[in-house]
Amino acid sequence: MGLFIMQTLKESVIRFLKNQSDDVNAEDIIEFVIMNQKLAEGEKDLQEGRIYTHDQAKEILKR
């Protein structure tokens, strides 16, 4: 299944909102959604072998 417990975006947002105070703002919610999406993309890349070693990343960034 991977490193993270897979949930739908809806389930993740509901869980996030349940743990927030009533004055949570839209910016915090949007930031959470974006972060959640980036983590899901990273998990997929990891599962599909699209990763680089530290040295490979340094070489790419030099170019």
N, C-alpha and C. Protein backbone atom coordinates (compact mmCIF):
# COMPACT_ATOMS: atom_id res chain seq x y z
N MET A 1 0.83 -1.21 0.00
CA MET A 1 0.00 0.00 0.00
C MET A 1 0.86 1.25 0.00
N GLY A 2 2.09 1.20 0.44
CA GLY A 2 2.94 2.37 0.40
C GLY A 2 3.20 2.95 1.77
N LEU A 3 3.81 4.11 1.78
CA LEU A 3 4.20 4.74 3.04
C LEU A 3 3.03 5.38 3.76
N PHE A 4 2.06 5.87 3.02
CA PHE A 4 0.94 6.59 3.62
C PHE A 4 -0.32 5.75 3.55
N ILE A 5 -1.19 5.95 4.50
CA ILE A 5 -2.50 5.30 4.45
C ILE A 5 -3.30 6.04 3.38
N MET A 6 -3.72 5.31 2.37
CA MET A 6 -4.41 5.94 1.26
C MET A 6 -5.85 6.25 1.64
N GLN A 7 -6.22 7.50 1.46
CA GLN A 7 -7.58 7.95 1.71
C GLN A 7 -7.99 8.79 0.52
N THR A 8 -9.28 8.96 0.34
CA THR A 8 -9.72 9.88 -0.69
C THR A 8 -9.43 11.29 -0.21
N LEU A 9 -9.37 12.21 -1.15
CA LEU A 9 -9.16 13.61 -0.78
C LEU A 9 -10.27 14.08 0.15
N LYS A 10 -11.49 13.68 -0.16
CA LYS A 10 -12.63 14.07 0.68
C LYS A 10 -12.44 13.60 2.11
N GLU A 11 -12.03 12.33 2.28
CA GLU A 11 -11.81 11.80 3.64
C GLU A 11 -10.71 12.57 4.35
N SER A 12 -9.65 12.90 3.63
CA SER A 12 -8.54 13.63 4.24
C SER A 12 -8.97 15.03 4.67
N VAL A 13 -9.74 15.71 3.83
CA VAL A 13 -10.20 17.06 4.16
C VAL A 13 -11.15 17.03 5.36
N ILE A 14 -12.04 16.06 5.38
CA ILE A 14 -12.98 15.94 6.51
C ILE A 14 -12.21 15.71 7.80
N ARG A 15 -11.23 14.79 7.77
CA ARG A 15 -10.43 14.52 8.97
C ARG A 15 -9.68 15.78 9.40
N PHE A 16 -9.10 16.50 8.42
CA PHE A 16 -8.39 17.74 8.71
C PHE A 16 -9.31 18.75 9.37
N LEU A 17 -10.50 18.95 8.79
CA LEU A 17 -11.43 19.96 9.32
C LEU A 17 -11.93 19.60 10.71
N LYS A 18 -12.11 18.32 10.98
CA LYS A 18 -12.57 17.90 12.31
C LYS A 18 -11.55 18.26 13.38
N ASN A 19 -10.28 18.35 12.99
CA ASN A 19 -9.22 18.66 13.95
C ASN A 19 -8.88 20.15 14.02
N GLN A 20 -9.64 20.99 13.32
CA GLN A 20 -9.38 22.42 13.31
C GLN A 20 -10.40 23.15 14.18
N SER A 21 -10.00 24.34 14.60
CA SER A 21 -10.95 25.16 15.34
C SER A 21 -11.98 25.72 14.36
N ASP A 22 -13.06 26.29 14.89
CA ASP A 22 -14.13 26.81 14.04
C ASP A 22 -13.69 28.00 13.19
N ASP A 23 -12.58 28.63 13.54
CA ASP A 23 -12.14 29.79 12.77
C ASP A 23 -11.06 29.46 11.74
N VAL A 24 -10.99 28.17 11.30
CA VAL A 24 -10.05 27.79 10.25
C VAL A 24 -10.36 28.62 9.01
N ASN A 25 -9.31 29.05 8.31
CA ASN A 25 -9.56 29.89 7.13
C ASN A 25 -9.33 29.12 5.84
N ALA A 26 -9.79 29.70 4.75
CA ALA A 26 -9.71 29.05 3.44
C ALA A 26 -8.26 28.80 3.04
N GLU A 27 -7.37 29.71 3.37
CA GLU A 27 -5.96 29.54 3.02
C GLU A 27 -5.38 28.28 3.64
N ASP A 28 -5.71 28.02 4.91
CA ASP A 28 -5.23 26.81 5.58
C ASP A 28 -5.77 25.55 4.91
N ILE A 29 -7.04 25.59 4.50
CA ILE A 29 -7.65 24.43 3.85
C ILE A 29 -7.01 24.19 2.49
N ILE A 30 -6.82 25.26 1.72
CA ILE A 30 -6.21 25.13 0.40
C ILE A 30 -4.78 24.62 0.53
N GLU A 31 -4.03 25.14 1.50
CA GLU A 31 -2.66 24.68 1.72
C GLU A 31 -2.64 23.19 2.05
N PHE A 32 -3.58 22.75 2.88
CA PHE A 32 -3.67 21.33 3.22
C PHE A 32 -3.96 20.49 1.98
N VAL A 33 -4.90 20.92 1.14
CA VAL A 33 -5.25 20.17 -0.06
C VAL A 33 -4.05 20.06 -1.00
N ILE A 34 -3.34 21.18 -1.21
CA ILE A 34 -2.17 21.17 -2.09
C ILE A 34 -1.09 20.25 -1.54
N MET A 35 -0.82 20.35 -0.25
CA MET A 35 0.20 19.50 0.38
C MET A 35 -0.19 18.02 0.24
N ASN A 36 -1.45 17.72 0.48
CA ASN A 36 -1.95 16.35 0.37
C ASN A 36 -1.76 15.83 -1.06
N GLN A 37 -2.05 16.67 -2.05
CA GLN A 37 -1.89 16.27 -3.44
C GLN A 37 -0.42 16.02 -3.77
N LYS A 38 0.46 16.89 -3.31
CA LYS A 38 1.90 16.73 -3.57
C LYS A 38 2.43 15.44 -2.93
N LEU A 39 1.97 15.13 -1.73
CA LEU A 39 2.39 13.88 -1.08
C LEU A 39 1.90 12.66 -1.87
N ALA A 40 0.67 12.73 -2.38
CA ALA A 40 0.14 11.62 -3.17
C ALA A 40 0.94 11.46 -4.46
N GLU A 41 1.30 12.57 -5.10
CA GLU A 41 2.12 12.50 -6.32
C GLU A 41 3.49 11.90 -6.02
N GLY A 42 4.08 12.30 -4.91
CA GLY A 42 5.38 11.76 -4.51
C GLY A 42 5.31 10.27 -4.21
N GLU A 43 4.25 9.85 -3.56
CA GLU A 43 4.05 8.42 -3.27
C GLU A 43 3.94 7.64 -4.58
N LYS A 44 3.20 8.17 -5.55
CA LYS A 44 3.05 7.50 -6.84
C LYS A 44 4.39 7.41 -7.56
N ASP A 45 5.15 8.52 -7.55
CA ASP A 45 6.48 8.51 -8.17
C ASP A 45 7.37 7.45 -7.53
N LEU A 46 7.33 7.36 -6.21
CA LEU A 46 8.12 6.38 -5.48
C LEU A 46 7.73 4.96 -5.88
N GLN A 47 6.44 4.69 -5.93
CA GLN A 47 5.95 3.36 -6.29
C GLN A 47 6.32 2.99 -7.72
N GLU A 48 6.40 3.99 -8.60
CA GLU A 48 6.68 3.73 -10.01
C GLU A 48 8.17 3.87 -10.35
N GLY A 49 8.99 4.07 -9.32
CA GLY A 49 10.43 4.10 -9.51
C GLY A 49 10.98 5.39 -10.08
N ARG A 50 10.20 6.44 -10.08
CA ARG A 50 10.67 7.74 -10.58
C ARG A 50 11.32 8.53 -9.44
N ILE A 51 12.51 8.06 -9.06
CA ILE A 51 13.23 8.69 -7.95
C ILE A 51 14.68 8.89 -8.35
N TYR A 52 15.37 9.77 -7.64
CA TYR A 52 16.79 10.04 -7.86
C TYR A 52 17.53 9.93 -6.54
N THR A 53 18.79 9.51 -6.64
CA THR A 53 19.64 9.55 -5.45
C THR A 53 20.02 11.00 -5.20
N HIS A 54 20.58 11.26 -4.05
CA HIS A 54 21.03 12.61 -3.72
C HIS A 54 22.06 13.10 -4.73
N ASP A 55 23.02 12.24 -5.07
CA ASP A 55 24.06 12.62 -6.03
C ASP A 55 23.47 12.87 -7.42
N GLN A 56 22.49 12.06 -7.84
CA GLN A 56 21.85 12.29 -9.14
C GLN A 56 21.12 13.63 -9.16
N ALA A 57 20.43 13.94 -8.08
CA ALA A 57 19.72 15.22 -8.01
C ALA A 57 20.68 16.39 -8.06
N LYS A 58 21.81 16.29 -7.37
CA LYS A 58 22.82 17.36 -7.42
C LYS A 58 23.32 17.56 -8.84
N GLU A 59 23.57 16.47 -9.58
CA GLU A 59 24.03 16.56 -10.96
C GLU A 59 22.99 17.24 -11.84
N ILE A 60 21.74 16.88 -11.67
CA ILE A 60 20.67 17.48 -12.47
C ILE A 60 20.58 18.98 -12.20
N LEU A 61 20.70 19.36 -10.93
CA LEU A 61 20.59 20.77 -10.56
C LEU A 61 21.78 21.60 -11.03
N LYS A 62 22.91 20.97 -11.27
CA LYS A 62 24.10 21.69 -11.79
C LYS A 62 23.87 22.17 -13.21
N ARG A 63 23.06 21.42 -13.97
CA ARG A 63 22.84 21.74 -15.39
C ARG A 63 22.00 22.95 -15.58
